[in-house]
């Protein structure tokens, strides 16, 4: 999830060879709701980790993660 625009995320994904779209939160509503931002005026999101269970409830919330390792670590726990 990123506060960047769809165009910025598309360019970032192309630059790094991602074969999937990146989610955009340009109004920061999700970032604020999940605790990655203090307000809609925040310029950047905090690097938090959230796993949402099949029931739609938060199964795990971590206040700080390393984006280079968190996806792999989270998949191991799932």
Protein backbone atom coordinates (compact mmCIF):
# COMPACT_ATOMS: atom_id res chain seq x y z
CA UNK A 1 0.00 0.00 0.00
CA UNK A 2 1.35 3.38 -0.93
CA UNK A 3 0.25 7.00 -0.80
CA UNK A 4 1.59 7.38 -4.33
CA UNK A 5 -0.65 7.83 -7.36
CA UNK A 6 -1.47 4.91 -9.67
CA UNK A 7 0.92 6.35 -12.26
CA UNK A 8 3.78 6.60 -9.72
CA UNK A 9 3.12 3.05 -8.48
CA UNK A 10 3.00 1.72 -12.04
CA UNK A 11 6.39 3.31 -12.81
CA UNK A 12 7.84 1.91 -9.56
CA UNK A 13 6.51 -1.59 -10.35
CA UNK A 14 7.93 -1.44 -13.88
CA UNK A 15 11.30 -0.21 -12.62
CA UNK A 16 11.62 -3.15 -10.22
CA UNK A 17 9.98 -5.76 -12.46
CA UNK A 18 6.88 -6.41 -10.34
CA UNK A 19 4.31 -8.41 -12.27
CA UNK A 20 1.41 -7.28 -10.08
CA UNK A 21 -0.28 -3.94 -9.44
CA UNK A 22 0.52 -1.96 -6.29
CA UNK A 23 -2.33 -0.66 -4.17
CA UNK A 24 -2.79 3.10 -3.89
CA UNK A 25 -4.15 5.02 -0.91
CA UNK A 26 -3.94 8.56 -2.23
CA UNK A 27 -6.48 9.92 0.28
CA UNK A 28 -4.65 8.07 3.10
CA UNK A 29 -7.91 6.68 4.51
CA UNK A 30 -6.60 3.12 4.80
CA UNK A 31 -3.24 4.32 6.11
CA UNK A 32 -4.95 6.23 8.91
CA UNK A 33 -7.40 3.38 9.65
CA UNK A 34 -4.60 0.80 9.98
CA UNK A 35 -2.23 3.07 11.91
CA UNK A 36 0.32 3.63 9.16
CA UNK A 37 -0.34 7.38 9.23
CA UNK A 38 -1.41 9.79 11.95
CA UNK A 39 -3.58 11.92 9.68
CA UNK A 40 -4.63 12.35 6.05
CA UNK A 41 -2.00 15.11 5.82
CA UNK A 42 0.87 12.67 6.54
CA UNK A 43 3.35 12.70 3.69
CA UNK A 44 4.59 9.13 4.17
CA UNK A 45 3.26 5.90 5.59
CA UNK A 46 4.99 4.09 8.42
CA UNK A 47 6.35 0.64 7.52
CA UNK A 48 3.80 -1.43 9.45
CA UNK A 49 2.73 -5.02 8.84
CA UNK A 50 -0.91 -6.07 8.78
CA UNK A 51 -2.34 -9.50 8.08
CA UNK A 52 -6.10 -9.63 7.57
CA UNK A 53 -7.69 -13.03 8.17
CA UNK A 54 -10.30 -14.70 5.96
CA UNK A 55 -13.00 -13.34 8.29
CA UNK A 56 -11.89 -9.76 7.53
CA UNK A 57 -10.46 -9.20 11.02
CA UNK A 58 -6.90 -8.15 11.72
CA UNK A 59 -4.97 -11.32 12.58
CA UNK A 60 -1.62 -9.58 13.06
CA UNK A 61 -0.50 -5.96 13.38
CA UNK A 62 3.16 -5.08 13.72
CA UNK A 63 4.19 -1.47 14.40
CA UNK A 64 7.43 -1.67 12.40
CA UNK A 65 8.59 -4.07 9.70
CA UNK A 66 11.45 -4.35 7.24
CA UNK A 67 9.78 -4.21 3.80
CA UNK A 68 12.56 -6.31 2.29
CA UNK A 69 11.89 -9.29 4.60
CA UNK A 70 8.36 -8.90 5.97
CA UNK A 71 6.47 -10.46 3.02
CA UNK A 72 8.59 -13.61 3.16
CA UNK A 73 8.39 -13.79 6.97
CA UNK A 74 4.62 -13.26 6.96
CA UNK A 75 4.09 -16.01 4.38
CA UNK A 76 6.05 -18.43 6.56
CA UNK A 77 3.68 -17.73 9.47
CA UNK A 78 0.60 -18.19 7.33
